[in-house]
C-alpha cells in the first residue's frame, strides 16, 4: 500500500504554513535592488564625512 495515497495532503501541495517575514522580504527583488544600491551609498557617504571630519584644521 502506498503511504502517499493515504496522506491527507497531496505530495505536490504545501500545507498552509505562514511564510516567515524575513523570507517575504528576501523574496522581493526590488527591495534587494534598492538595498544593494542604498546601503553602499549610505556607507560611502558616512565614510566620506568621517574622513573630512578627521582632517586637521590648518593654522
N, C-alpha and C. Protein backbone atom coordinates (compact mmCIF):
# COMPACT_ATOMS: atom_id res chain seq x y z
N UNK A 1 0.84 -1.17 0.00
CA UNK A 1 0.00 0.00 0.00
C UNK A 1 0.89 1.25 0.00
N UNK A 2 0.51 2.21 -0.78
CA UNK A 2 1.29 3.44 -0.91
C UNK A 2 0.91 4.40 0.21
N UNK A 3 1.91 4.90 0.93
CA UNK A 3 1.63 5.80 2.06
C UNK A 3 1.24 7.19 1.57
N UNK A 4 1.67 7.58 0.35
CA UNK A 4 1.32 8.90 -0.16
C UNK A 4 -0.18 9.00 -0.47
N UNK A 5 -0.80 7.86 -0.86
CA UNK A 5 -2.23 7.91 -1.17
C UNK A 5 -3.08 8.02 0.09
N UNK A 6 -2.55 7.57 1.23
CA UNK A 6 -3.31 7.67 2.47
C UNK A 6 -3.06 8.98 3.20
N UNK A 7 -2.07 9.74 2.74
CA UNK A 7 -1.78 11.03 3.37
C UNK A 7 -2.92 12.01 3.09
N UNK A 8 -3.19 12.91 4.04
CA UNK A 8 -4.31 13.83 3.88
C UNK A 8 -4.01 14.94 2.88
N UNK A 9 -2.73 15.26 2.66
CA UNK A 9 -2.37 16.30 1.68
C UNK A 9 -1.62 15.64 0.53
N UNK A 10 -1.90 16.07 -0.70
CA UNK A 10 -1.16 15.52 -1.83
C UNK A 10 0.32 15.85 -1.75
N UNK A 11 1.15 15.07 -2.46
CA UNK A 11 2.59 15.24 -2.38
C UNK A 11 3.05 16.57 -2.95
N UNK A 12 2.33 17.13 -3.94
CA UNK A 12 2.77 18.37 -4.57
C UNK A 12 2.17 19.61 -3.91
N UNK A 13 1.36 19.44 -2.88
CA UNK A 13 0.72 20.57 -2.22
C UNK A 13 1.40 20.85 -0.88
N UNK A 14 1.72 22.12 -0.65
CA UNK A 14 2.37 22.51 0.60
C UNK A 14 1.30 22.82 1.63
N UNK A 15 1.46 22.36 2.86
CA UNK A 15 0.47 22.70 3.90
C UNK A 15 0.42 24.20 4.11
N UNK A 16 -0.70 24.68 4.65
CA UNK A 16 -0.88 26.12 4.86
C UNK A 16 -0.08 26.58 6.07
N UNK A 17 1.20 26.84 5.86
CA UNK A 17 2.05 27.38 6.91
C UNK A 17 2.33 28.83 6.59
N UNK A 18 2.38 29.68 7.58
CA UNK A 18 2.68 31.09 7.31
C UNK A 18 4.12 31.25 6.81
N UNK A 19 4.30 32.13 5.83
CA UNK A 19 5.63 32.39 5.30
C UNK A 19 6.34 33.34 6.25
N UNK A 20 7.56 33.00 6.66
CA UNK A 20 8.27 33.88 7.61
C UNK A 20 8.49 35.28 7.01
N UNK A 21 8.50 36.28 7.87
CA UNK A 21 8.64 37.67 7.42
C UNK A 21 9.96 37.90 6.70
N UNK A 22 11.05 37.31 7.21
CA UNK A 22 12.35 37.52 6.58
C UNK A 22 12.37 36.92 5.17
N UNK A 23 11.70 35.78 4.97
CA UNK A 23 11.64 35.18 3.65
C UNK A 23 10.84 36.06 2.69
N UNK A 24 9.77 36.66 3.18
CA UNK A 24 8.98 37.55 2.33
C UNK A 24 9.82 38.76 1.90
N UNK A 25 10.63 39.28 2.82
CA UNK A 25 11.49 40.42 2.48
C UNK A 25 12.54 40.03 1.45
N UNK A 26 13.17 38.88 1.67
CA UNK A 26 14.26 38.47 0.78
C UNK A 26 13.77 37.94 -0.55
N UNK A 27 12.49 37.63 -0.67
CA UNK A 27 11.92 37.18 -1.94
C UNK A 27 11.56 38.35 -2.85
N UNK A 28 11.65 39.58 -2.35
CA UNK A 28 11.27 40.75 -3.13
C UNK A 28 12.50 41.29 -3.88
N UNK A 29 12.59 41.09 -5.21
CA UNK A 29 13.79 41.52 -5.94
C UNK A 29 13.98 43.04 -5.96
N UNK A 30 12.88 43.81 -5.94
CA UNK A 30 13.02 45.26 -5.97
C UNK A 30 13.57 45.78 -4.65
N UNK A 31 13.19 45.15 -3.55
CA UNK A 31 13.74 45.54 -2.25
C UNK A 31 15.23 45.22 -2.21
N UNK A 32 15.61 44.06 -2.72
CA UNK A 32 17.02 43.70 -2.75
C UNK A 32 17.82 44.65 -3.63
N UNK A 33 17.24 45.06 -4.76
CA UNK A 33 17.91 46.03 -5.63
C UNK A 33 18.09 47.36 -4.91
N UNK A 34 17.03 47.83 -4.24
CA UNK A 34 17.11 49.08 -3.50
C UNK A 34 18.17 49.01 -2.41
N UNK A 35 18.17 47.91 -1.64
CA UNK A 35 19.15 47.77 -0.57
C UNK A 35 20.57 47.67 -1.12
N UNK A 36 20.72 47.02 -2.26
CA UNK A 36 22.04 46.88 -2.88
C UNK A 36 22.60 48.19 -3.39
N UNK A 37 21.74 49.15 -3.66
CA UNK A 37 22.20 50.47 -4.10
C UNK A 37 22.27 51.43 -2.92
N UNK A 38 21.28 51.39 -2.03
CA UNK A 38 21.21 52.36 -0.94
C UNK A 38 22.27 52.11 0.14
N UNK A 39 22.48 50.86 0.51
CA UNK A 39 23.43 50.59 1.59
C UNK A 39 24.85 51.02 1.25
N UNK A 40 25.42 50.66 0.10
CA UNK A 40 26.77 51.17 -0.20
C UNK A 40 26.82 52.69 -0.30
N UNK A 41 25.76 53.30 -0.84
CA UNK A 41 25.73 54.76 -0.95
C UNK A 41 25.80 55.40 0.43
N UNK A 42 24.97 54.93 1.35
CA UNK A 42 24.97 55.49 2.71
C UNK A 42 26.31 55.25 3.39
N UNK A 43 26.87 54.05 3.23
CA UNK A 43 28.15 53.75 3.87
C UNK A 43 29.27 54.62 3.33
N UNK A 44 29.31 54.84 2.01
CA UNK A 44 30.35 55.70 1.43
C UNK A 44 30.17 57.15 1.86
N UNK A 45 28.95 57.62 1.99
CA UNK A 45 28.72 58.99 2.45
C UNK A 45 29.20 59.14 3.89
N UNK A 46 28.84 58.18 4.75
CA UNK A 46 29.28 58.23 6.15
C UNK A 46 30.81 58.16 6.21
N UNK A 47 31.41 57.29 5.42
CA UNK A 47 32.87 57.15 5.39
C UNK A 47 33.51 58.47 4.95
N UNK A 48 32.94 59.10 3.93
CA UNK A 48 33.47 60.37 3.45
C UNK A 48 33.37 61.47 4.48
N UNK A 49 32.25 61.54 5.19
CA UNK A 49 32.08 62.54 6.25
C UNK A 49 33.09 62.30 7.36
N UNK A 50 33.31 61.04 7.72
CA UNK A 50 34.30 60.73 8.76
C UNK A 50 35.70 61.14 8.33
N UNK A 51 36.03 60.95 7.07
CA UNK A 51 37.34 61.35 6.56
C UNK A 51 37.49 62.86 6.58
N UNK A 52 36.45 63.59 6.20
CA UNK A 52 36.51 65.05 6.19
C UNK A 52 36.65 65.59 7.62
N UNK A 53 35.90 65.01 8.55
CA UNK A 53 35.98 65.45 9.94
C UNK A 53 37.37 65.16 10.51
N UNK A 54 38.01 64.11 10.04
CA UNK A 54 39.32 63.73 10.56
C UNK A 54 40.47 64.56 10.04
N UNK A 55 40.25 65.44 9.06
CA UNK A 55 41.32 66.28 8.51
C UNK A 55 41.62 67.39 9.53
N UNK A 56 42.89 67.53 9.88
CA UNK A 56 43.22 68.58 10.87
C UNK A 56 43.05 69.98 10.27
N UNK A 57 42.69 70.94 11.10
CA UNK A 57 42.44 72.32 10.66
C UNK A 57 43.80 73.01 10.50
N UNK A 58 44.00 73.67 9.34
CA UNK A 58 45.26 74.39 9.10
C UNK A 58 45.31 75.67 9.92
N UNK A 59 46.53 76.01 10.37
CA UNK A 59 46.69 77.24 11.16
C UNK A 59 47.57 78.23 10.44
